[in-house]
Amino acid sequence: MRLFLSLPVLVVVLSMVLEGSAPAQGAPDVSNPFDGLEELGKTLEDNTREFINRITQSELPAKMWDWFSETFRRVKEKLKIDS
């Protein structure tokens, strides 16, 4: 009977030992979790500004506006003829 009760206890103890340290015990010391947030914000801001500058300096917005205007004009003409 003792052996029958000892085996499950032995299995639980072995599984705990082989599992290793818990994540809370193995994690490095974190003083402030928001330290990298400021750098991330600055990087995101710089990338966004660069993206907006590229768009405003390119011809793409003007070409898109012309295409949409022309397509809208064609649709309006088509609807006037069909009506």
Protein backbone atom coordinates (compact mmCIF):
# COMPACT_ATOMS: atom_id res chain seq x y z
CA MET A 1 0.00 0.00 0.00
CA ARG A 2 2.86 2.38 0.76
CA LEU A 3 4.45 1.79 -2.61
CA PHE A 4 1.10 2.41 -4.29
CA LEU A 5 0.85 5.85 -2.61
CA SER A 6 4.53 6.72 -3.04
CA LEU A 7 4.56 6.36 -6.83
CA PRO A 8 2.15 9.24 -7.58
CA VAL A 9 4.03 11.50 -5.17
CA LEU A 10 7.30 10.55 -6.83
CA VAL A 11 5.87 11.30 -10.28
CA VAL A 12 4.63 14.74 -9.17
CA VAL A 13 7.96 15.62 -7.57
CA LEU A 14 9.92 14.48 -10.64
CA SER A 15 7.67 16.44 -12.97
CA MET A 16 8.18 19.58 -10.87
CA VAL A 17 11.95 19.12 -10.83
CA LEU A 18 12.22 18.40 -14.55
CA GLU A 19 9.95 21.32 -15.45
CA GLY A 20 12.58 23.82 -14.44
CA SER A 21 12.18 27.25 -12.96
CA ALA A 22 8.84 29.01 -13.14
CA PRO A 23 8.57 31.93 -15.59
CA ALA A 24 8.42 34.42 -12.71
CA GLN A 25 11.61 32.97 -11.24
CA GLY A 26 13.45 32.73 -14.53
CA ALA A 27 12.51 36.17 -15.86
CA PRO A 28 15.11 38.94 -15.69
CA ASP A 29 14.59 41.84 -13.30
CA VAL A 30 12.39 44.43 -14.99
CA SER A 31 12.53 47.82 -13.32
CA ASN A 32 10.16 49.74 -15.61
CA PRO A 33 8.20 48.02 -18.37
CA PHE A 34 7.61 51.34 -20.18
CA ASP A 35 11.28 52.21 -20.80
CA GLY A 36 11.26 51.11 -24.44
CA LEU A 37 7.88 52.70 -25.13
CA GLU A 38 9.30 56.21 -25.57
CA GLU A 39 11.87 55.01 -28.11
CA LEU A 40 9.18 53.05 -29.95
CA GLY A 41 6.98 56.16 -30.08
CA LYS A 42 9.80 58.29 -31.49
CA THR A 43 10.63 55.69 -34.12
CA LEU A 44 6.98 55.38 -35.11
CA GLU A 45 6.65 59.17 -35.31
CA ASP A 46 9.76 59.48 -37.50
CA ASN A 47 8.60 56.71 -39.83
CA THR A 48 5.13 58.24 -40.13
CA ARG A 49 6.53 61.69 -40.91
CA GLU A 50 8.84 60.23 -43.56
CA PHE A 51 5.94 58.30 -45.12
CA ILE A 52 3.72 61.40 -45.25
CA ASN A 53 6.54 63.46 -46.76
CA ARG A 54 7.11 60.84 -49.46
CA ILE A 55 3.41 60.82 -50.34
CA THR A 56 3.12 64.62 -50.49
CA GLN A 57 6.24 64.93 -52.65
CA SER A 58 5.27 62.20 -55.08
CA GLU A 59 2.95 62.45 -58.06
CA LEU A 60 0.80 59.57 -56.88
CA PRO A 61 -1.91 61.64 -55.12
CA ALA A 62 -2.37 63.88 -58.14
CA LYS A 63 -2.55 60.91 -60.50
CA MET A 64 -5.07 59.16 -58.25
CA TRP A 65 -7.22 62.31 -58.02
CA ASP A 66 -7.18 62.70 -61.81
CA TRP A 67 -8.11 59.03 -62.28
CA PHE A 68 -11.00 59.22 -59.79
CA SER A 69 -12.26 62.48 -61.33
CA GLU A 70 -12.14 61.06 -64.83
CA THR A 71 -13.86 57.83 -63.77
CA PHE A 72 -16.57 59.76 -61.90
CA ARG A 73 -17.11 62.00 -64.94
CA ARG A 74 -17.49 58.96 -67.19
CA VAL A 75 -20.00 57.35 -64.82
CA LYS A 76 -22.03 60.56 -64.68
CA GLU A 77 -22.09 60.80 -68.48
CA LYS A 78 -23.07 57.15 -68.77
CA LEU A 79 -25.95 57.63 -66.33
CA LYS A 80 -27.18 60.76 -68.15
CA ILE A 81 -27.23 58.94 -71.49
CA ASP A 82 -29.03 55.89 -70.09
CA SER A 83 -31.67 57.95 -68.28
